[in-house]
């Protein structure tokens, strides 16, 4: 029997089925912010077969981005994140339609930028790190009936297994979510689906002075991240 020809979506079809993969190929997703969360999200969406991506960010790649952002390499420092991300997506999925928008979203321009997209997006991912902009996006998406998920605080956290989706009203243990929850009530944002972690940030600690070691001492060969707390 002849071997089946593999495609970039072959393994996705095994997991989700051909109809689901086809729907992804026909979908359009907006990713707002291409930092540590947004750039990795955009890469995952491209690998997942999403057929159209709108990439929005106003920043350029900085050296300090290299430890965590999918757009950050020594070769891309100083370049627009939207341009770098567009090249990465094309390399992963050449058939993906890409709309890079190098701008910072505000209350004054969000209607023109998101409302002017044709075809209309199926989903919006808010990976912005600015509270005011996140609230502007949440209110606009609510008023225009556009599905949205908003990323809360993820900096200095060590337990990705604790990440969860919830309505903003159900969040706890996340300082950014607390601010967004309070401000959402003031602004009439009734529902907002977010991705958050209830785990507080890891504390910065000074290294302890080393105690004298016995002559027979040997380092432990196993380690668990929780020991560092």
C-alpha atoms as a PDB file:
ATOM      1  CA  UNK A   1       0.000   0.000   0.000  1.00  0.00           C
ATOM      2  CA  UNK A   2       1.396   3.401  -0.966  1.00  0.00           C
ATOM      3  CA  UNK A   3       2.475   5.711   1.823  1.00  0.00           C
ATOM      4  CA  UNK A   4       0.110   8.608   2.515  1.00  0.00           C
ATOM      5  CA  UNK A   5       1.639  11.956   1.581  1.00  0.00           C
ATOM      6  CA  UNK A   6       2.168  14.056   4.714  1.00  0.00           C
ATOM      7  CA  UNK A   7       1.137  17.717   4.828  1.00  0.00           C
ATOM      8  CA  UNK A   8       1.695  20.415   7.471  1.00  0.00           C
ATOM      9  CA  UNK A   9      -1.796  19.691   8.828  1.00  0.00           C
ATOM     10  CA  UNK A  10      -1.634  15.885   8.795  1.00  0.00           C
ATOM     11  CA  UNK A  11      -1.095  15.570  12.531  1.00  0.00           C
ATOM     12  CA  UNK A  12      -3.680  18.245  13.274  1.00  0.00           C
ATOM     13  CA  UNK A  13      -6.239  16.258  11.309  1.00  0.00           C
ATOM     14  CA  UNK A  14      -5.515  13.199  13.441  1.00  0.00           C
ATOM     15  CA  UNK A  15      -6.278  15.178  16.584  1.00  0.00           C
ATOM     16  CA  UNK A  16      -9.115  17.471  15.477  1.00  0.00           C
ATOM     17  CA  UNK A  17     -10.483  15.983  12.283  1.00  0.00           C
ATOM     18  CA  UNK A  18     -10.477  17.367   8.756  1.00  0.00           C
ATOM     19  CA  UNK A  19     -13.563  19.544   9.224  1.00  0.00           C
ATOM     20  CA  UNK A  20     -12.020  21.365  12.200  1.00  0.00           C
ATOM     21  CA  UNK A  21      -8.762  21.928  10.331  1.00  0.00           C
ATOM     22  CA  UNK A  22     -10.744  23.274   7.382  1.00  0.00           C
ATOM     23  CA  UNK A  23     -12.554  25.722   9.675  1.00  0.00           C
ATOM     24  CA  UNK A  24      -9.218  26.923  11.038  1.00  0.00           C
ATOM     25  CA  UNK A  25      -7.963  27.501   7.501  1.00  0.00           C
ATOM     26  CA  UNK A  26     -11.064  29.630   6.824  1.00  0.00           C
ATOM     27  CA  UNK A  27     -10.738  31.673  10.042  1.00  0.00           C
ATOM     28  CA  UNK A  28      -9.234  35.080  10.710  1.00  0.00           C
ATOM     29  CA  UNK A  29      -7.645  35.974  14.058  1.00  0.00           C
ATOM     30  CA  UNK A  30      -6.330  39.308  15.312  1.00  0.00           C
ATOM     31  CA  UNK A  31      -3.350  39.227  17.683  1.00  0.00           C
ATOM     32  CA  UNK A  32      -2.894  42.500  19.550  1.00  0.00           C
ATOM     33  CA  UNK A  33       0.627  42.812  20.935  1.00  0.00           C
ATOM     34  CA  UNK A  34       3.610  40.723  19.847  1.00  0.00           C
ATOM     35  CA  UNK A  35       5.554  40.459  23.081  1.00  0.00           C
ATOM     36  CA  UNK A  36       6.171  37.341  25.138  1.00  0.00           C
ATOM     37  CA  UNK A  37       2.527  36.253  24.996  1.00  0.00           C
ATOM     38  CA  UNK A  38       1.424  37.567  21.626  1.00  0.00           C
ATOM     39  CA  UNK A  39       4.396  36.497  19.509  1.00  0.00           C
ATOM     40  CA  UNK A  40       4.258  32.923  20.790  1.00  0.00           C
ATOM     41  CA  UNK A  41       0.486  32.906  20.344  1.00  0.00           C
ATOM     42  CA  UNK A  42       0.816  34.079  16.738  1.00  0.00           C
ATOM     43  CA  UNK A  43       3.397  31.375  16.039  1.00  0.00           C
ATOM     44  CA  UNK A  44       1.096  28.718  17.530  1.00  0.00           C
ATOM     45  CA  UNK A  45      -1.843  29.952  15.460  1.00  0.00           C
ATOM     46  CA  UNK A  46       0.266  29.771  12.299  1.00  0.00           C
ATOM     47  CA  UNK A  47       1.373  26.226  13.130  1.00  0.00           C
ATOM     48  CA  UNK A  48      -2.223  25.379  13.968  1.00  0.00           C
ATOM     49  CA  UNK A  49      -3.339  26.222  10.440  1.00  0.00           C
ATOM     50  CA  UNK A  50      -5.222  29.498  10.952  1.00  0.00           C
ATOM     51  CA  UNK A  51      -5.672  30.892   7.471  1.00  0.00           C
ATOM     52  CA  UNK A  52      -5.535  34.637   8.145  1.00  0.00           C
ATOM     53  CA  UNK A  53      -3.717  36.627  10.854  1.00  0.00           C
ATOM     54  CA  UNK A  54      -3.842  40.318  11.670  1.00  0.00           C
ATOM     55  CA  UNK A  55      -0.717  41.274  13.645  1.00  0.00           C
ATOM     56  CA  UNK A  56      -0.845  44.539  15.598  1.00  0.00           C
ATOM     57  CA  UNK A  57       2.082  46.078  17.503  1.00  0.00           C
ATOM     58  CA  UNK A  58       3.987  49.340  17.439  1.00  0.00           C
ATOM     59  CA  UNK A  59       7.276  48.195  18.993  1.00  0.00           C
ATOM     60  CA  UNK A  60      10.622  47.074  17.624  1.00  0.00           C
ATOM     61  CA  UNK A  61      12.631  44.115  18.900  1.00  0.00           C
ATOM     62  CA  UNK A  62      14.884  44.927  21.874  1.00  0.00           C
ATOM     63  CA  UNK A  63      17.827  42.859  23.161  1.00  0.00           C
ATOM     64  CA  UNK A  64      15.938  42.184  26.405  1.00  0.00           C
ATOM     65  CA  UNK A  65      13.189  40.431  24.389  1.00  0.00           C
ATOM     66  CA  UNK A  66      15.451  37.574  23.307  1.00  0.00           C
ATOM     67  CA  UNK A  67      14.827  35.381  26.374  1.00  0.00           C
ATOM     68  CA  UNK A  68      11.092  34.971  25.754  1.00  0.00           C
ATOM     69  CA  UNK A  69       9.702  36.418  22.515  1.00  0.00           C
ATOM     70  CA  UNK A  70       9.269  34.446  19.302  1.00  0.00           C
ATOM     71  CA  UNK A  71      10.243  37.505  17.234  1.00  0.00           C
ATOM     72  CA  UNK A  72      13.469  38.187  19.111  1.00  0.00           C
ATOM     73  CA  UNK A  73      16.839  37.076  17.732  1.00  0.00           C
ATOM     74  CA  UNK A  74      20.154  38.860  17.588  1.00  0.00           C
ATOM     75  CA  UNK A  75      19.482  39.273  13.875  1.00  0.00           C
ATOM     76  CA  UNK A  76      16.095  40.976  14.406  1.00  0.00           C
ATOM     77  CA  UNK A  77      17.008  43.538  17.085  1.00  0.00           C
ATOM     78  CA  UNK A  78      15.780  46.967  15.969  1.00  0.00           C
ATOM     79  CA  UNK A  79      13.256  45.594  13.485  1.00  0.00           C
ATOM     80  CA  UNK A  80       9.503  46.042  13.720  1.00  0.00           C
ATOM     81  CA  UNK A  81       7.891  43.164  15.538  1.00  0.00           C
ATOM     82  CA  UNK A  82       5.046  43.064  13.015  1.00  0.00           C
ATOM     83  CA  UNK A  83       7.494  42.650  10.135  1.00  0.00           C
ATOM     84  CA  UNK A  84       9.482  39.929  11.885  1.00  0.00           C
ATOM     85  CA  UNK A  85       6.349  38.043  12.920  1.00  0.00           C
ATOM     86  CA  UNK A  86       4.978  38.231   9.391  1.00  0.00           C
ATOM     87  CA  UNK A  87       8.143  36.605   8.040  1.00  0.00           C
ATOM     88  CA  UNK A  88       7.981  33.856  10.660  1.00  0.00           C
ATOM     89  CA  UNK A  89       4.339  33.100   9.846  1.00  0.00           C
ATOM     90  CA  UNK A  90       5.033  32.947   6.101  1.00  0.00           C
ATOM     91  CA  UNK A  91       7.902  30.537   6.710  1.00  0.00           C
ATOM     92  CA  UNK A  92       5.605  28.292   8.782  1.00  0.00           C
ATOM     93  CA  UNK A  93       2.450  28.585   6.694  1.00  0.00           C
ATOM     94  CA  UNK A  94       2.998  30.180   3.246  1.00  0.00           C
ATOM     95  CA  UNK A  95      -0.726  30.124   2.495  1.00  0.00           C
ATOM     96  CA  UNK A  96      -1.613  32.228   5.561  1.00  0.00           C
ATOM     97  CA  UNK A  97      -2.889  35.711   4.693  1.00  0.00           C
ATOM     98  CA  UNK A  98      -1.092  38.246   6.894  1.00  0.00           C
ATOM     99  CA  UNK A  99      -2.026  41.833   7.706  1.00  0.00           C
ATOM    100  CA  UNK A 100       0.723  43.540   9.752  1.00  0.00           C
ATOM    101  CA  UNK A 101      -0.324  46.806  11.414  1.00  0.00           C
ATOM    102  CA  UNK A 102       2.412  48.853  13.074  1.00  0.00           C
ATOM    103  CA  UNK A 103       0.391  51.017  15.469  1.00  0.00           C
ATOM    104  CA  UNK A 104      -0.564  51.469  19.116  1.00  0.00           C
ATOM    105  CA  UNK A 105      -4.287  50.985  19.681  1.00  0.00           C
ATOM    106  CA  UNK A 106      -6.173  53.830  21.350  1.00  0.00           C
ATOM    107  CA  UNK A 107      -9.787  54.788  21.885  1.00  0.00           C
ATOM    108  CA  UNK A 108      -9.476  57.141  18.914  1.00  0.00           C
ATOM    109  CA  UNK A 109      -8.180  54.652  16.348  1.00  0.00           C
ATOM    110  CA  UNK A 110      -9.548  51.263  17.400  1.00  0.00           C
ATOM    111  CA  UNK A 111     -12.752  51.661  15.395  1.00  0.00           C
ATOM    112  CA  UNK A 112     -10.845  52.485  12.246  1.00  0.00           C
ATOM    113  CA  UNK A 113      -8.326  49.673  12.692  1.00  0.00           C
ATOM    114  CA  UNK A 114     -10.435  46.758  13.934  1.00  0.00           C
ATOM    115  CA  UNK A 115     -13.743  47.936  12.517  1.00  0.00           C
ATOM    116  CA  UNK A 116     -12.179  48.497   9.111  1.00  0.00           C
ATOM    117  CA  UNK A 117     -10.949  44.926   8.714  1.00  0.00           C
ATOM    118  CA  UNK A 118     -12.552  43.079   5.824  1.00  0.00           C
ATOM    119  CA  UNK A 119     -13.358  40.269   6.162  1.00  0.00           C
ATOM    120  CA  UNK A 120     -14.443  40.675   9.755  1.00  0.00           C
ATOM    121  CA  UNK A 121     -12.207  38.760  12.204  1.00  0.00           C
ATOM    122  CA  UNK A 122     -13.544  35.638  13.875  1.00  0.00           C
ATOM    123  CA  UNK A 123     -11.565  36.172  17.061  1.00  0.00           C
ATOM    124  CA  UNK A 124      -9.353  38.710  18.845  1.00  0.00           C
ATOM    125  CA  UNK A 125      -6.448  37.866  21.151  1.00  0.00           C
ATOM    126  CA  UNK A 126      -5.460  40.713  23.461  1.00  0.00           C
ATOM    127  CA  UNK A 127      -1.814  40.281  24.468  1.00  0.00           C
ATOM    128  CA  UNK A 128      -1.232  43.979  25.183  1.00  0.00           C
ATOM    129  CA  UNK A 129       0.653  44.932  28.347  1.00  0.00           C
ATOM    130  CA  UNK A 130      -1.040  48.326  28.795  1.00  0.00           C
ATOM    131  CA  UNK A 131      -4.087  48.494  31.101  1.00  0.00           C
ATOM    132  CA  UNK A 132      -5.766  51.413  29.338  1.00  0.00           C
ATOM    133  CA  UNK A 133      -5.437  49.771  25.917  1.00  0.00           C
ATOM    134  CA  UNK A 134      -6.727  46.440  27.262  1.00  0.00           C
ATOM    135  CA  UNK A 135      -9.852  48.138  28.582  1.00  0.00           C
ATOM    136  CA  UNK A 136     -10.388  49.993  25.301  1.00  0.00           C
ATOM    137  CA  UNK A 137     -10.173  46.697  23.413  1.00  0.00           C
ATOM    138  CA  UNK A 138     -12.517  44.916  25.822  1.00  0.00           C
ATOM    139  CA  UNK A 139     -15.184  47.607  25.570  1.00  0.00           C
ATOM    140  CA  UNK A 140     -14.932  47.867  21.770  1.00  0.00           C
ATOM    141  CA  UNK A 141     -15.182  44.106  21.294  1.00  0.00           C
ATOM    142  CA  UNK A 142     -18.181  43.960  23.630  1.00  0.00           C
ATOM    143  CA  UNK A 143     -19.955  46.785  21.801  1.00  0.00           C
ATOM    144  CA  UNK A 144     -19.231  45.219  18.411  1.00  0.00           C
ATOM    145  CA  UNK A 145     -19.977  41.616  19.391  1.00  0.00           C
ATOM    146  CA  UNK A 146     -16.485  40.392  18.530  1.00  0.00           C
ATOM    147  CA  UNK A 147     -15.173  37.323  20.424  1.00  0.00           C
ATOM    148  CA  UNK A 148     -12.175  38.216  22.578  1.00  0.00           C
ATOM    149  CA  UNK A 149      -9.780  36.572  25.016  1.00  0.00           C
ATOM    150  CA  UNK A 150      -7.500  38.810  27.063  1.00  0.00           C
ATOM    151  CA  UNK A 151      -4.189  37.790  28.595  1.00  0.00           C
ATOM    152  CA  UNK A 152      -3.577  38.830  32.185  1.00  0.00           C
ATOM    153  CA  UNK A 153      -0.251  39.056  34.020  1.00  0.00           C
ATOM    154  CA  UNK A 154       2.324  36.366  33.291  1.00  0.00           C
ATOM    155  CA  UNK A 155       5.617  38.032  34.209  1.00  0.00           C
ATOM    156  CA  UNK A 156       7.850  36.376  36.821  1.00  0.00           C
ATOM    157  CA  UNK A 157       5.618  33.318  37.190  1.00  0.00           C
ATOM    158  CA  UNK A 158       7.038  29.811  37.226  1.00  0.00           C
ATOM    159  CA  UNK A 159       4.017  27.497  37.016  1.00  0.00           C
ATOM    160  CA  UNK A 160       2.399  27.433  33.539  1.00  0.00           C
ATOM    161  CA  UNK A 161       0.291  24.440  34.604  1.00  0.00           C
ATOM    162  CA  UNK A 162      -1.801  26.869  36.684  1.00  0.00           C
ATOM    163  CA  UNK A 163      -2.920  28.950  33.694  1.00  0.00           C
ATOM    164  CA  UNK A 164      -6.688  28.870  33.221  1.00  0.00           C
ATOM    165  CA  UNK A 165      -9.508  30.545  31.301  1.00  0.00           C
ATOM    166  CA  UNK A 166     -12.253  32.323  33.229  1.00  0.00           C
ATOM    167  CA  UNK A 167     -14.515  35.336  33.179  1.00  0.00           C
ATOM    168  CA  UNK A 168     -12.751  38.342  34.675  1.00  0.00           C
ATOM    169  CA  UNK A 169     -15.260  38.323  37.556  1.00  0.00           C
ATOM    170  CA  UNK A 170     -14.033  34.867  38.607  1.00  0.00           C
ATOM    171  CA  UNK A 171     -10.309  35.646  38.709  1.00  0.00           C
ATOM    172  CA  UNK A 172      -8.181  35.755  41.850  1.00  0.00           C
ATOM    173  CA  UNK A 173      -4.526  35.949  42.818  1.00  0.00           C
ATOM    174  CA  UNK A 174      -3.489  38.012  39.761  1.00  0.00           C
ATOM    175  CA  UNK A 175      -2.692  41.710  40.387  1.00  0.00           C
ATOM    176  CA  UNK A 176      -3.371  42.722  36.771  1.00  0.00           C
ATOM    177  CA  UNK A 177      -6.682  40.844  36.737  1.00  0.00           C
ATOM    178  CA  UNK A 178      -7.688  42.654  39.920  1.00  0.00           C
ATOM    179  CA  UNK A 179      -7.140  46.041  38.259  1.00  0.00           C
ATOM    180  CA  UNK A 180      -8.945  44.986  35.067  1.00  0.00           C
ATOM    181  CA  UNK A 181     -11.839  43.568  37.102  1.00  0.00           C
ATOM    182  CA  UNK A 182     -12.265  46.827  39.028  1.00  0.00           C
ATOM    183  CA  UNK A 183     -11.970  49.059  35.962  1.00  0.00           C
ATOM    184  CA  UNK A 184     -14.299  46.824  33.913  1.00  0.00           C
ATOM    185  CA  UNK A 185     -17.095  47.445  36.401  1.00  0.00           C
ATOM    186  CA  UNK A 186     -16.568  51.203  36.083  1.00  0.00           C
ATOM    187  CA  UNK A 187     -16.677  51.036  32.287  1.00  0.00           C
ATOM    188  CA  UNK A 188     -19.681  48.768  31.915  1.00  0.00           C
ATOM    189  CA  UNK A 189     -17.683  45.791  30.602  1.00  0.00           C
ATOM    190  CA  UNK A 190     -20.049  43.014  31.605  1.00  0.00           C
ATOM    191  CA  UNK A 191     -18.176  39.928  30.464  1.00  0.00           C
ATOM    192  CA  UNK A 192     -14.541  39.433  29.590  1.00  0.00           C
ATOM    193  CA  UNK A 193     -12.912  36.058  29.007  1.00  0.00           C
ATOM    194  CA  UNK A 194      -9.326  36.054  30.221  1.00  0.00           C
ATOM    195  CA  UNK A 195      -6.335  33.762  30.542  1.00  0.00           C
ATOM    196  CA  UNK A 196      -4.727  34.154  33.961  1.00  0.00           C
ATOM    197  CA  UNK A 197      -2.789  32.415  36.697  1.00  0.00           C
ATOM    198  CA  UNK A 198      -3.819  32.627  40.348  1.00  0.00           C
ATOM    199  CA  UNK A 199      -0.193  32.180  41.358  1.00  0.00           C
ATOM    200  CA  UNK A 200       1.515  35.307  42.678  1.00  0.00           C
ATOM    201  CA  UNK A 201       4.831  36.396  41.234  1.00  0.00           C
ATOM    202  CA  UNK A 202       7.965  34.658  42.422  1.00  0.00           C
ATOM    203  CA  UNK A 203       9.808  36.780  44.948  1.00  0.00           C
ATOM    204  CA  UNK A 204      13.273  38.044  44.238  1.00  0.00           C
ATOM    205  CA  UNK A 205      15.675  36.744  46.831  1.00  0.00           C
ATOM    206  CA  UNK A 206      19.270  37.482  47.591  1.00  0.00           C
ATOM    207  CA  UNK A 207      21.614  34.504  47.447  1.00  0.00           C
ATOM    208  CA  UNK A 208      22.316  33.115  50.890  1.00  0.00           C
ATOM    209  CA  UNK A 209      25.851  32.894  52.192  1.00  0.00           C
ATOM    210  CA  UNK A 210      27.226  29.435  51.617  1.00  0.00           C
ATOM    211  CA  UNK A 211      27.668  27.355  54.710  1.00  0.00           C
ATOM    212  CA  UNK A 212      30.777  25.282  55.177  1.00  0.00           C
ATOM    213  CA  UNK A 213      30.329  21.882  53.526  1.00  0.00           C
ATOM    214  CA  UNK A 214      31.476  18.627  55.075  1.00  0.00           C
ATOM    215  CA  UNK A 215      34.234  16.833  53.212  1.00  0.00           C
ATOM    216  CA  UNK A 216      31.864  14.010  52.179  1.00  0.00           C
ATOM    217  CA  UNK A 217      29.262  16.434  50.729  1.00  0.00           C
ATOM    218  CA  UNK A 218      27.977  15.754  47.218  1.00  0.00           C
ATOM    219  CA  UNK A 219      25.407  17.797  45.225  1.00  0.00           C
ATOM    220  CA  UNK A 220      21.856  16.481  44.944  1.00  0.00           C
ATOM    221  CA  UNK A 221      21.152  15.057  41.492  1.00  0.00           C
ATOM    222  CA  UNK A 222      17.437  15.876  41.459  1.00  0.00           C
ATOM    223  CA  UNK A 223      15.699  19.211  41.533  1.00  0.00           C
ATOM    224  CA  UNK A 224      12.125  20.453  41.542  1.00  0.00           C
ATOM    225  CA  UNK A 225      11.194  24.091  40.763  1.00  0.00           C
ATOM    226  CA  UNK A 226       9.074  24.294  43.916  1.00  0.00           C
ATOM    227  CA  UNK A 227      12.257  23.947  46.006  1.00  0.00           C
ATOM    228  CA  UNK A 228      13.332  27.371  44.848  1.00  0.00           C
ATOM    229  CA  UNK A 229      10.386  29.120  46.461  1.00  0.00           C
END
